[in-house]
Amino acid sequence: MTYADDDRRPPRSRMRVGLATALFFVYLAFVMWVTMTPSLDGVGVDSVADRVLRVLHRLGMPEAFGYMELEFTANIGMFIPLGFLLGLALPGWGWWLALIILPAYSGAIEWTQGEFLSDRVSDLRDIVSNSLGAWIGTFIAATLRGMVHARDAKVLERARWEERRARGNGRGRPAPQDPNRTAVLEDLGVMSDRTPTAPTRQLPY
């Protein structure tokens, strides 16, 4: 099958899909560790958050931006890679499923924290922030996939055009007429309805 006969969409890169899938599960395991750990006191999250807030306030962040705002922003950032990687790993027709799957996953996390982890607190704002991050990452992935598809389509169309051109010049089809030669023949009467008054000879190419 040639490029000219193949009108299908550009195929997906197996390497790109495989890498995105592997990274998604690796990062998913990290998110599960962060969210399902009974307590993060031993990790030093509070001290890290305090240092980050001090740096932000020195850089001009208003004092009203406190721990709750930092946590909300961090939850958005934590789910952006999940949305991005899942948006790349899903089939072309199903990337939008990430817009549903990841918010549902966040809801399952909060339900598990509230029901089974006494040291963790279930908060609806976490679902909102996680969903925002997942949607941002998914739309970034969809935009990137659209750009790659447009590039691949141009490459395939160029290959089809080159193949059609090669067929026209090398497989029995007449080559395009030289406009200069046509003009000379018309002047001599060969390509007109008038009968030439004298024998004419076709000029060489």
Protein backbone atom coordinates (compact mmCIF):
# COMPACT_ATOMS: atom_id res chain seq x y z
CA MET A 1 0.00 0.00 0.00
CA THR A 2 1.31 3.42 -0.95
CA TYR A 3 0.88 6.77 0.69
CA ALA A 4 -1.36 7.92 -2.12
CA ASP A 5 -3.73 4.99 -1.58
CA ASP A 6 -3.80 5.29 2.21
CA ASP A 7 -6.27 7.92 3.44
CA ARG A 8 -6.23 6.86 7.06
CA ARG A 9 -5.27 9.14 9.97
CA PRO A 10 -1.60 9.22 10.91
CA PRO A 11 -0.85 6.28 13.23
CA ARG A 12 -0.11 6.90 16.89
CA SER A 13 3.46 6.54 18.03
CA ARG A 14 3.72 3.33 20.06
CA MET A 15 6.79 4.62 21.83
CA ARG A 16 4.99 7.82 22.83
CA VAL A 17 1.93 5.94 24.08
CA GLY A 18 4.00 3.35 25.93
CA LEU A 19 6.17 5.95 27.62
CA ALA A 20 3.16 8.04 28.64
CA THR A 21 1.40 4.95 30.03
CA ALA A 22 4.45 3.85 32.04
CA LEU A 23 5.02 7.33 33.46
CA PHE A 24 1.34 7.63 34.30
CA PHE A 25 1.37 4.52 36.48
CA VAL A 26 4.64 5.55 38.13
CA TYR A 27 3.26 8.98 39.00
CA LEU A 28 -0.08 7.44 40.03
CA ALA A 29 1.80 5.31 42.56
CA PHE A 30 3.46 8.47 43.91
CA VAL A 31 0.09 10.23 44.25
CA MET A 32 -1.36 7.21 46.03
CA TRP A 33 1.57 7.22 48.46
CA VAL A 34 1.11 10.93 49.19
CA THR A 35 -2.66 10.77 49.60
CA MET A 36 -3.05 7.36 51.26
CA THR A 37 -0.28 7.62 53.85
CA PRO A 38 -1.98 7.65 57.27
CA SER A 39 0.09 10.64 58.38
CA LEU A 40 2.61 12.91 56.71
CA ASP A 41 4.05 14.26 59.95
CA GLY A 42 7.18 12.16 59.56
CA VAL A 43 7.73 13.46 56.05
CA GLY A 44 7.98 17.05 57.24
CA VAL A 45 5.27 18.48 55.00
CA ASP A 46 4.34 21.21 57.47
CA SER A 47 7.91 22.45 57.82
CA VAL A 48 8.35 22.44 54.03
CA ALA A 49 5.10 24.37 53.62
CA ASP A 50 6.23 26.91 56.21
CA ARG A 51 9.50 27.47 54.36
CA VAL A 52 7.70 27.82 51.02
CA LEU A 53 5.30 30.35 52.50
CA ARG A 54 8.13 32.40 53.97
CA VAL A 55 9.86 32.50 50.59
CA LEU A 56 6.63 33.48 48.81
CA HIS A 57 5.91 36.24 51.29
CA ARG A 58 9.43 37.61 50.87
CA LEU A 59 8.87 37.63 47.10
CA GLY A 60 5.77 39.78 47.49
CA MET A 61 2.96 37.26 47.95
CA PRO A 62 0.25 38.79 50.17
CA GLU A 63 0.17 37.59 53.76
CA ALA A 64 -3.42 36.45 53.17
CA PHE A 65 -1.97 33.63 51.07
CA GLY A 66 -1.56 31.05 53.83
CA TYR A 67 -1.33 27.33 54.32
CA MET A 68 -4.83 26.55 52.98
CA GLU A 69 -4.21 28.51 49.77
CA LEU A 70 -0.84 26.85 49.35
CA GLU A 71 -2.40 23.41 49.81
CA PHE A 72 -5.11 24.21 47.26
CA THR A 73 -2.50 25.31 44.71
CA ALA A 74 -0.31 22.29 45.45
CA ASN A 75 -3.25 19.94 44.86
CA ILE A 76 -3.82 21.54 41.48
CA GLY A 77 -0.17 21.09 40.58
CA MET A 78 -0.12 17.48 41.79
CA PHE A 79 -2.88 16.43 39.39
CA ILE A 80 -1.67 18.31 36.30
CA PRO A 81 0.86 15.55 35.42
CA LEU A 82 -1.84 12.89 35.93
CA GLY A 83 -4.16 14.61 33.47
CA PHE A 84 -1.35 15.23 31.00
CA LEU A 85 -0.02 11.66 31.02
CA LEU A 86 -3.46 10.04 30.95
CA GLY A 87 -4.50 12.37 28.12
CA LEU A 88 -1.51 11.13 26.11
CA ALA A 89 -1.98 7.46 26.99
CA LEU A 90 -5.69 7.16 26.15
CA PRO A 91 -6.79 6.46 22.53
CA GLY A 92 -7.43 9.41 20.28
CA TRP A 93 -11.20 9.14 20.61
CA GLY A 94 -11.13 8.73 24.40
CA TRP A 95 -8.75 11.36 25.76
CA TRP A 96 -11.74 13.20 27.23
CA LEU A 97 -12.31 10.26 29.59
CA ALA A 98 -9.52 11.70 31.71
CA LEU A 99 -11.87 14.60 32.48
CA ILE A 100 -14.15 12.10 34.25
CA ILE A 101 -11.76 9.43 35.52
CA LEU A 102 -9.40 11.68 37.48
CA PRO A 103 -12.05 13.70 39.36
CA ALA A 104 -13.69 10.39 40.27
CA TYR A 105 -10.30 9.13 41.46
CA SER A 106 -9.89 12.23 43.61
CA GLY A 107 -13.35 11.65 45.09
CA ALA A 108 -12.37 8.07 45.92
CA ILE A 109 -9.24 9.34 47.65
CA GLU A 110 -11.19 11.77 49.82
CA TRP A 111 -13.78 9.11 50.69
CA THR A 112 -11.03 6.68 51.70
CA GLN A 113 -9.33 9.32 53.83
CA GLY A 114 -12.57 10.14 55.62
CA GLU A 115 -13.60 6.54 56.20
CA PHE A 116 -10.37 4.68 56.93
CA LEU A 117 -7.58 7.18 57.74
CA SER A 118 -8.19 8.77 61.11
CA ASP A 119 -5.20 11.13 60.79
CA ARG A 120 -6.33 12.49 57.43
CA VAL A 121 -9.20 14.91 56.79
CA SER A 122 -11.58 14.59 53.87
CA ASP A 123 -12.15 17.94 52.18
CA LEU A 124 -14.36 18.80 49.22
CA ARG A 125 -11.93 21.54 48.23
CA ASP A 126 -9.32 18.87 47.53
CA ILE A 127 -11.64 17.29 44.96
CA VAL A 128 -12.15 20.70 43.33
CA SER A 129 -8.44 21.50 43.20
CA ASN A 130 -7.49 18.02 42.01
CA SER A 131 -10.13 18.18 39.29
CA LEU A 132 -8.86 21.56 38.11
CA GLY A 133 -5.33 20.20 37.88
CA ALA A 134 -6.49 17.10 36.01
CA TRP A 135 -8.45 19.17 33.50
CA ILE A 136 -5.56 21.56 32.92
CA GLY A 137 -3.19 18.65 32.27
CA THR A 138 -5.68 16.90 29.99
CA PHE A 139 -6.25 19.99 27.86
CA ILE A 140 -2.50 20.51 27.55
CA ALA A 141 -2.19 16.90 26.34
CA ALA A 142 -5.08 17.35 23.89
CA THR A 143 -3.45 20.50 22.49
CA LEU A 144 -0.12 18.75 22.11
CA ARG A 145 -1.75 15.76 20.42
CA GLY A 146 -3.53 18.08 18.00
CA MET A 147 -0.24 19.77 17.09
CA VAL A 148 1.51 16.43 16.56
CA HIS A 149 -1.40 15.14 14.47
CA ALA A 150 -1.35 18.25 12.27
CA ARG A 151 2.40 17.86 11.76
CA ASP A 152 2.06 14.14 10.90
CA ALA A 153 -0.79 14.89 8.51
CA LYS A 154 1.36 17.42 6.65
CA VAL A 155 4.23 14.94 6.40
CA LEU A 156 1.93 12.22 5.01
CA GLU A 157 0.26 14.61 2.58
CA ARG A 158 3.68 15.69 1.31
CA ALA A 159 4.65 12.04 0.83
CA ARG A 160 1.40 11.35 -1.08
CA TRP A 161 1.97 14.39 -3.29
CA GLU A 162 5.52 13.29 -4.07
CA GLU A 163 4.30 9.80 -4.93
CA ARG A 164 1.52 11.08 -7.21
CA ARG A 165 4.07 13.30 -8.93
CA ALA A 166 6.42 10.34 -9.44
CA ARG A 167 3.55 8.29 -10.90
CA GLY A 168 2.64 11.03 -13.35
CA ASN A 169 6.22 11.37 -14.62
CA GLY A 170 7.30 7.76 -14.66
CA ARG A 171 4.32 5.44 -15.19
CA GLY A 172 3.02 6.23 -18.66
CA ARG A 173 1.16 9.43 -17.96
CA PRO A 174 2.02 12.35 -20.24
CA ALA A 175 4.30 14.95 -18.80
CA PRO A 176 2.96 18.49 -18.52
CA GLN A 177 3.11 20.42 -21.81
CA ASP A 178 5.78 23.05 -22.20
CA PRO A 179 3.89 26.37 -22.60
CA ASN A 180 6.68 27.79 -24.79
CA ARG A 181 6.45 24.85 -27.22
CA THR A 182 2.64 25.16 -27.34
CA ALA A 183 2.87 28.84 -28.24
CA VAL A 184 5.27 28.09 -31.12
CA LEU A 185 3.00 25.39 -32.54
CA GLU A 186 0.01 27.68 -32.39
CA ASP A 187 1.94 30.33 -34.33
CA LEU A 188 2.72 27.73 -36.98
CA GLY A 189 -0.93 26.66 -37.28
CA VAL A 190 -0.45 23.11 -36.02
CA MET A 191 -2.86 23.49 -33.06
CA SER A 192 -5.45 25.71 -34.77
CA ASP A 193 -8.46 24.91 -36.93
CA ARG A 194 -6.89 26.55 -39.97
CA THR A 195 -5.18 24.36 -42.54
CA PRO A 196 -1.54 25.36 -42.81
CA THR A 197 -0.57 26.79 -46.17
CA ALA A 198 2.78 25.10 -46.06
CA PRO A 199 4.03 21.84 -44.52
CA THR A 200 5.00 22.29 -40.92
CA ARG A 201 7.37 20.31 -38.87
CA GLN A 202 6.97 19.72 -35.11
CA LEU A 203 9.71 21.40 -33.27
CA PRO A 204 11.82 19.26 -30.98
CA TYR A 205 11.51 19.59 -27.21
